Protein backbone atom coordinates (compact mmCIF):
# COMPACT_ATOMS: atom_id res chain seq x y z
CA GLN A 1 -0.30 18.36 -7.50
CA VAL A 2 0.30 15.02 -5.69
CA GLN A 3 0.54 11.99 -8.01
CA LEU A 4 0.86 8.40 -7.01
CA VAL A 5 1.66 5.62 -9.52
CA GLU A 6 1.62 2.05 -8.45
CA SER A 7 3.44 -0.82 -10.19
CA GLY A 8 4.16 -4.34 -9.84
CA GLY A 9 0.96 -6.11 -9.73
CA GLY A 10 0.36 -9.32 -11.67
CA LEU A 11 -0.86 -12.92 -11.60
CA VAL A 12 0.80 -15.19 -8.98
CA GLN A 13 0.28 -18.45 -7.58
CA ALA A 14 -0.69 -19.05 -3.96
CA GLY A 15 2.26 -19.44 -1.62
CA GLY A 16 4.17 -16.90 -3.90
CA SER A 17 5.50 -13.50 -3.48
CA LEU A 18 5.06 -9.98 -5.14
CA ARG A 19 6.49 -6.62 -4.42
CA LEU A 20 4.38 -3.47 -5.08
CA SER A 21 5.88 0.00 -5.71
CA CYS A 22 4.17 3.26 -5.55
CA ALA A 23 6.16 6.43 -6.81
CA ALA A 24 5.05 9.65 -5.49
CA SER A 25 5.35 13.26 -6.86
CA GLY A 26 4.39 16.72 -6.35
CA ARG A 27 5.25 17.43 -2.73
CA THR A 28 7.93 16.59 -0.09
CA PHE A 29 7.59 12.75 0.23
CA SER A 30 9.30 12.36 3.65
CA SER A 31 6.75 14.82 5.27
CA TYR A 32 3.91 12.39 5.07
CA ALA A 33 2.79 9.01 6.16
CA MET A 34 1.70 6.52 3.41
CA GLY A 35 -0.75 3.81 3.26
CA TRP A 36 -1.75 0.66 1.07
CA PHE A 37 -5.36 -0.34 0.68
CA ARG A 38 -7.05 -3.08 -1.44
CA GLN A 39 -10.30 -3.73 -2.99
CA ALA A 40 -11.47 -7.06 -3.84
CA PRO A 41 -14.15 -7.79 -6.27
CA GLY A 42 -17.81 -7.09 -4.78
CA LYS A 43 -16.17 -5.86 -1.52
CA GLU A 44 -15.34 -2.57 -0.10
CA ARG A 45 -11.94 -1.10 0.12
CA GLU A 46 -9.87 -2.16 3.20
CA PHE A 47 -6.79 -1.00 4.90
CA VAL A 48 -3.68 -3.23 4.44
CA ALA A 49 -0.69 -1.34 5.80
CA ALA A 50 0.67 1.99 6.84
CA ILE A 51 4.02 3.52 7.41
CA SER A 52 5.22 6.61 9.23
CA ARG A 53 7.17 9.56 7.52
CA SER A 54 10.60 8.12 8.56
CA GLY A 55 9.61 4.50 8.08
CA ALA A 56 10.31 3.60 11.70
CA ARG A 57 6.74 2.79 12.63
CA THR A 58 4.40 0.53 10.52
CA LEU A 59 0.85 -0.73 10.92
CA TYR A 60 -1.00 -3.57 9.47
CA ALA A 61 -4.14 -5.22 9.05
CA ASP A 62 -4.61 -8.54 11.00
CA SER A 63 -5.33 -10.45 7.75
CA VAL A 64 -1.89 -9.61 6.41
CA ASN A 65 0.29 -9.14 9.58
CA GLY A 66 3.28 -11.51 9.24
CA ARG A 67 3.14 -11.93 5.61
CA PHE A 68 3.17 -8.39 4.19
CA THR A 69 5.77 -5.76 4.85
CA ILE A 70 5.46 -2.06 4.09
CA THR A 71 8.67 -0.03 3.64
CA ARG A 72 9.65 3.36 1.95
CA ASP A 73 12.77 4.97 0.48
CA ASN A 74 12.47 8.61 0.91
CA ALA A 75 15.46 9.21 -1.34
CA LYS A 76 13.41 7.70 -4.08
CA ASN A 77 10.01 8.95 -3.11
CA THR A 78 8.67 5.46 -3.27
CA VAL A 79 6.69 3.38 -0.87
CA TYR A 80 6.74 -0.54 -1.24
CA LEU A 81 4.48 -3.49 -0.20
CA GLN A 82 6.38 -6.64 -0.11
CA MET A 83 3.59 -9.43 -0.03
CA ASN A 84 4.76 -13.05 0.79
CA ARG A 85 2.84 -16.29 1.28
CA LEU A 86 0.07 -14.96 -0.87
CA LYS A 87 -3.24 -16.49 -0.63
CA PRO A 88 -6.25 -16.62 -3.22
CA GLU A 89 -8.24 -14.12 -0.55
CA ASP A 90 -5.30 -11.63 -1.28
CA THR A 91 -6.74 -11.23 -4.65
CA ALA A 92 -7.68 -7.39 -5.25
CA VAL A 93 -6.68 -4.21 -6.70
CA TYR A 94 -4.16 -2.72 -4.66
CA TYR A 95 -3.91 1.07 -4.01
CA CYS A 96 -1.31 3.46 -2.40
CA ALA A 97 -2.50 6.55 -0.85
CA ALA A 98 -1.24 9.75 0.92
CA PRO A 99 -2.92 12.09 3.35
CA SER A 100 -3.12 15.63 2.81
CA ILE A 101 -1.88 16.55 6.39
CA SER A 102 1.49 15.71 7.81
CA SER A 103 0.80 13.89 10.93
CA TYR A 104 2.42 11.36 13.40
CA VAL A 105 -0.91 9.41 13.36
CA LEU A 106 -0.97 6.22 11.16
CA LEU A 107 -4.39 6.24 9.54
CA THR A 108 -6.22 2.89 8.80
CA THR A 109 -9.51 4.46 7.25
CA ASP A 110 -9.65 5.53 3.69
CA THR A 111 -11.27 8.86 4.62
CA GLY A 112 -8.15 9.79 6.07
CA TYR A 113 -6.33 9.66 2.80
CA ASN A 114 -6.77 12.28 0.12
CA TYR A 115 -4.57 11.14 -2.76
CA TRP A 116 -4.71 7.82 -4.57
CA GLY A 117 -2.91 5.89 -7.11
CA GLN A 118 -4.82 4.39 -10.06
CA GLY A 119 -4.39 0.91 -8.66
CA THR A 120 -2.70 -2.36 -9.66
CA GLN A 121 -4.33 -5.66 -9.98
CA VAL A 122 -3.08 -8.68 -7.98
CA PRO A 123 -4.83 -11.93 -8.83
CA VAL A 124 -3.86 -14.89 -6.75
CA SER A 125 -4.50 -18.34 -8.20
CA SER A 126 -5.16 -21.47 -6.14
C-alpha cells in the first residue's frame, strides 16, 4: 500500500521561504513521477509542480515558476518542494501525490494521481 506523508508546513511571512517534504513508502519510489498540488480555502485543488522518475525533468504552474523548486531523493524515498519568495496567495494546504502508473509523462491534473498525502498547511501572512 502506497503511503505519502507530508511535513514542513507552517506559518511564514510574505517573502519568506519554506521547504516541504513528502516521504513515500509501499513501492519502488524511483519508478514513479511525483507531484505537488495545493488547495486554497474556497478554491479547487490546483497543480503546483511535478518531477520525473529520475528527477531530471520538472514542470511548474505559471504561478510558482521561478519561486518554487521540486526535487527528489530516490535513496530517501522523498520528494521536496522548496518555496521561496512566498506570497499571501500561496496560502493553501499542500499535498504530494503519486500516480499508479509508471510513465514518462509529467501529469498536471489531479485525476492523473491515485495516491495522496494528508496535506500540510502553509499560511502566508502579509
